[in-house]
Amino acid sequence: MSELPKYVGMYRGRDWITTIEWTREELDQILDAAMDLKRKFRKVEHPYLKGKTLFLIFYNRSLRTRNSFEAGMTQLGGHAHFLDPHDAIYTPALPGDEIAYTTERIADVARVLSRYGDGIAIRIYGKHAKWIYGR
């Protein structure tokens, strides 16, 4: 494998929930890094994410978004694990909204997933969009 690019790990621990928390320069760097990876992948494999797992939780279904995340993780040597909250045994809920043997607190779900994976990607709008993520 070739040497890791300078941007790998640069934003470790940061969340991309909204662009408000990012400077224009940071957004440009991330998008430049994405384009760099895309160009490099066309020439030769770059398994920068070997051994890494990204959990995907989509409260709103999407063919293009889900497949682009899964393809990107695979192309970079990682694994995308799709969790469908609509088909799950336990549905995430906010404190006070739990139903025994049916729901789990979203904070508990996120904490457990963070132990097993390296990232969580959430696609959400509507009623669940008011939940607090990344904390």
Protein backbone atom coordinates (compact mmCIF):
# COMPACT_ATOMS: atom_id res chain seq x y z
CA MET A 1 0.00 0.00 0.00
CA SER A 2 1.24 3.47 -0.78
CA GLU A 3 1.94 6.03 1.90
CA LEU A 4 -1.14 7.47 3.57
CA PRO A 5 -2.11 10.94 2.35
CA LYS A 6 -1.60 13.87 4.71
CA TYR A 7 -5.33 14.29 5.26
CA VAL A 8 -5.91 10.82 6.72
CA GLY A 9 -6.83 11.29 10.38
CA MET A 10 -6.82 15.06 10.05
CA TYR A 11 -10.41 15.37 11.24
CA ARG A 12 -10.60 12.34 13.49
CA GLY A 13 -13.32 12.70 16.12
CA ARG A 14 -15.18 15.41 14.23
CA ASP A 15 -18.79 15.06 13.10
CA TRP A 16 -20.20 16.25 9.81
CA ILE A 17 -23.75 16.84 11.05
CA THR A 18 -24.02 20.31 9.63
CA THR A 19 -21.68 22.58 7.72
CA ILE A 20 -22.17 25.29 10.37
CA GLU A 21 -19.50 23.67 12.58
CA TRP A 22 -16.90 23.69 9.77
CA THR A 23 -14.88 26.48 8.21
CA ARG A 24 -14.90 26.96 4.46
CA GLU A 25 -11.24 25.90 4.40
CA GLU A 26 -12.00 22.64 6.25
CA LEU A 27 -14.87 21.82 3.89
CA ASP A 28 -12.66 22.51 0.89
CA GLN A 29 -9.93 20.23 2.34
CA ILE A 30 -12.40 17.38 2.88
CA LEU A 31 -13.86 17.69 -0.61
CA ASP A 32 -10.36 17.93 -2.10
CA ALA A 33 -9.39 14.77 -0.19
CA ALA A 34 -12.46 12.97 -1.55
CA MET A 35 -11.58 13.97 -5.11
CA ASP A 36 -7.96 12.92 -4.56
CA LEU A 37 -9.06 9.48 -3.35
CA LYS A 38 -11.43 9.14 -6.29
CA ARG A 39 -8.69 9.97 -8.80
CA LYS A 40 -6.18 7.62 -7.14
CA PHE A 41 -8.65 4.74 -6.98
CA ARG A 42 -9.11 4.82 -10.73
CA LYS A 43 -5.38 4.12 -11.16
CA VAL A 44 -4.65 1.61 -8.41
CA GLU A 45 -6.32 0.19 -5.30
CA HIS A 46 -5.79 2.13 -2.07
CA PRO A 47 -7.02 0.14 0.95
CA TYR A 48 -6.73 3.08 3.37
CA LEU A 49 -9.76 1.84 5.29
CA LYS A 50 -8.67 -1.80 5.61
CA GLY A 51 -10.13 -3.24 8.79
CA LYS A 52 -12.44 -0.25 9.29
CA THR A 53 -16.22 -0.53 9.69
CA LEU A 54 -18.79 2.17 8.98
CA PHE A 55 -22.29 1.64 10.35
CA LEU A 56 -25.06 3.07 8.18
CA ILE A 57 -28.38 3.99 9.82
CA PHE A 58 -30.92 5.40 7.39
CA TYR A 59 -34.21 6.56 8.88
CA ASN A 60 -35.06 7.76 5.38
CA ARG A 61 -34.39 5.23 2.64
CA SER A 62 -32.04 6.09 -0.20
CA LEU A 63 -30.73 3.98 -3.04
CA ARG A 64 -27.99 6.37 -4.21
CA THR A 65 -26.70 7.48 -0.80
CA ARG A 66 -26.57 3.97 0.65
CA ASN A 67 -24.86 2.50 -2.40
CA SER A 68 -22.32 5.32 -2.65
CA PHE A 69 -21.33 4.82 1.01
CA GLU A 70 -21.11 1.04 0.59
CA ALA A 71 -19.14 1.27 -2.65
CA GLY A 72 -16.77 3.88 -1.22
CA MET A 73 -16.01 1.81 1.87
CA THR A 74 -15.43 -1.31 -0.25
CA GLN A 75 -13.21 0.53 -2.74
CA LEU A 76 -11.06 1.82 0.12
CA GLY A 77 -10.79 -1.61 1.77
CA GLY A 78 -13.34 -1.08 4.54
CA HIS A 79 -16.76 -2.50 5.30
CA ALA A 80 -20.11 -0.71 5.41
CA HIS A 81 -22.64 -2.38 7.68
CA PHE A 82 -26.24 -1.32 6.97
CA LEU A 83 -28.63 -1.20 9.92
CA ASP A 84 -32.25 -0.62 8.91
CA PRO A 85 -34.17 0.88 11.84
CA HIS A 86 -37.43 -0.02 10.06
CA ASP A 87 -36.58 -3.74 10.08
CA ALA A 88 -34.61 -3.89 13.32
CA ILE A 89 -35.69 -5.85 16.35
CA TYR A 90 -35.02 -2.77 18.45
CA THR A 91 -35.80 0.72 17.22
CA PRO A 92 -33.76 3.61 18.68
CA ALA A 93 -35.70 6.00 20.90
CA LEU A 94 -35.15 9.07 23.03
CA PRO A 95 -35.11 8.85 26.85
CA GLY A 96 -38.69 8.58 28.06
CA ASP A 97 -39.93 7.20 24.72
CA GLU A 98 -38.65 3.67 25.25
CA ILE A 99 -40.97 0.68 24.97
CA ALA A 100 -39.72 -2.47 26.72
CA TYR A 101 -38.25 -5.06 24.33
CA THR A 102 -39.04 -2.80 21.36
CA THR A 103 -36.81 0.27 21.56
CA GLU A 104 -33.37 1.31 22.78
CA ARG A 105 -32.07 4.74 23.68
CA ILE A 106 -30.28 6.28 20.71
CA ALA A 107 -27.36 7.19 23.00
CA ASP A 108 -26.97 3.52 23.98
CA VAL A 109 -27.11 2.40 20.35
CA ALA A 110 -24.45 4.96 19.36
CA ARG A 111 -22.21 4.04 22.31
CA VAL A 112 -22.33 0.32 21.51
CA LEU A 113 -21.79 0.84 17.77
CA SER A 114 -18.82 3.11 18.48
CA ARG A 115 -17.14 0.21 20.29
CA TYR A 116 -17.46 -2.11 17.29
CA GLY A 117 -17.00 0.26 14.40
CA ASP A 118 -15.03 3.27 13.31
CA GLY A 119 -17.85 5.53 12.22
CA ILE A 120 -21.60 5.95 12.08
CA ALA A 121 -23.31 7.52 9.08
CA ILE A 122 -26.89 8.61 9.66
CA ARG A 123 -29.34 9.71 6.97
CA ILE A 124 -32.20 11.47 8.62
CA TYR A 125 -34.82 14.14 8.21
CA GLY A 126 -38.30 14.59 9.62
CA LYS A 127 -39.29 13.74 13.21
CA HIS A 128 -35.97 12.08 14.17
CA ALA A 129 -33.92 15.02 12.89
CA LYS A 130 -34.37 16.82 16.23
CA TRP A 131 -32.36 14.17 18.03
CA ILE A 132 -28.87 15.13 19.20
CA TYR A 133 -26.11 13.20 17.41
CA GLY A 134 -22.37 13.32 17.71
CA ARG A 135 -22.36 13.86 21.44
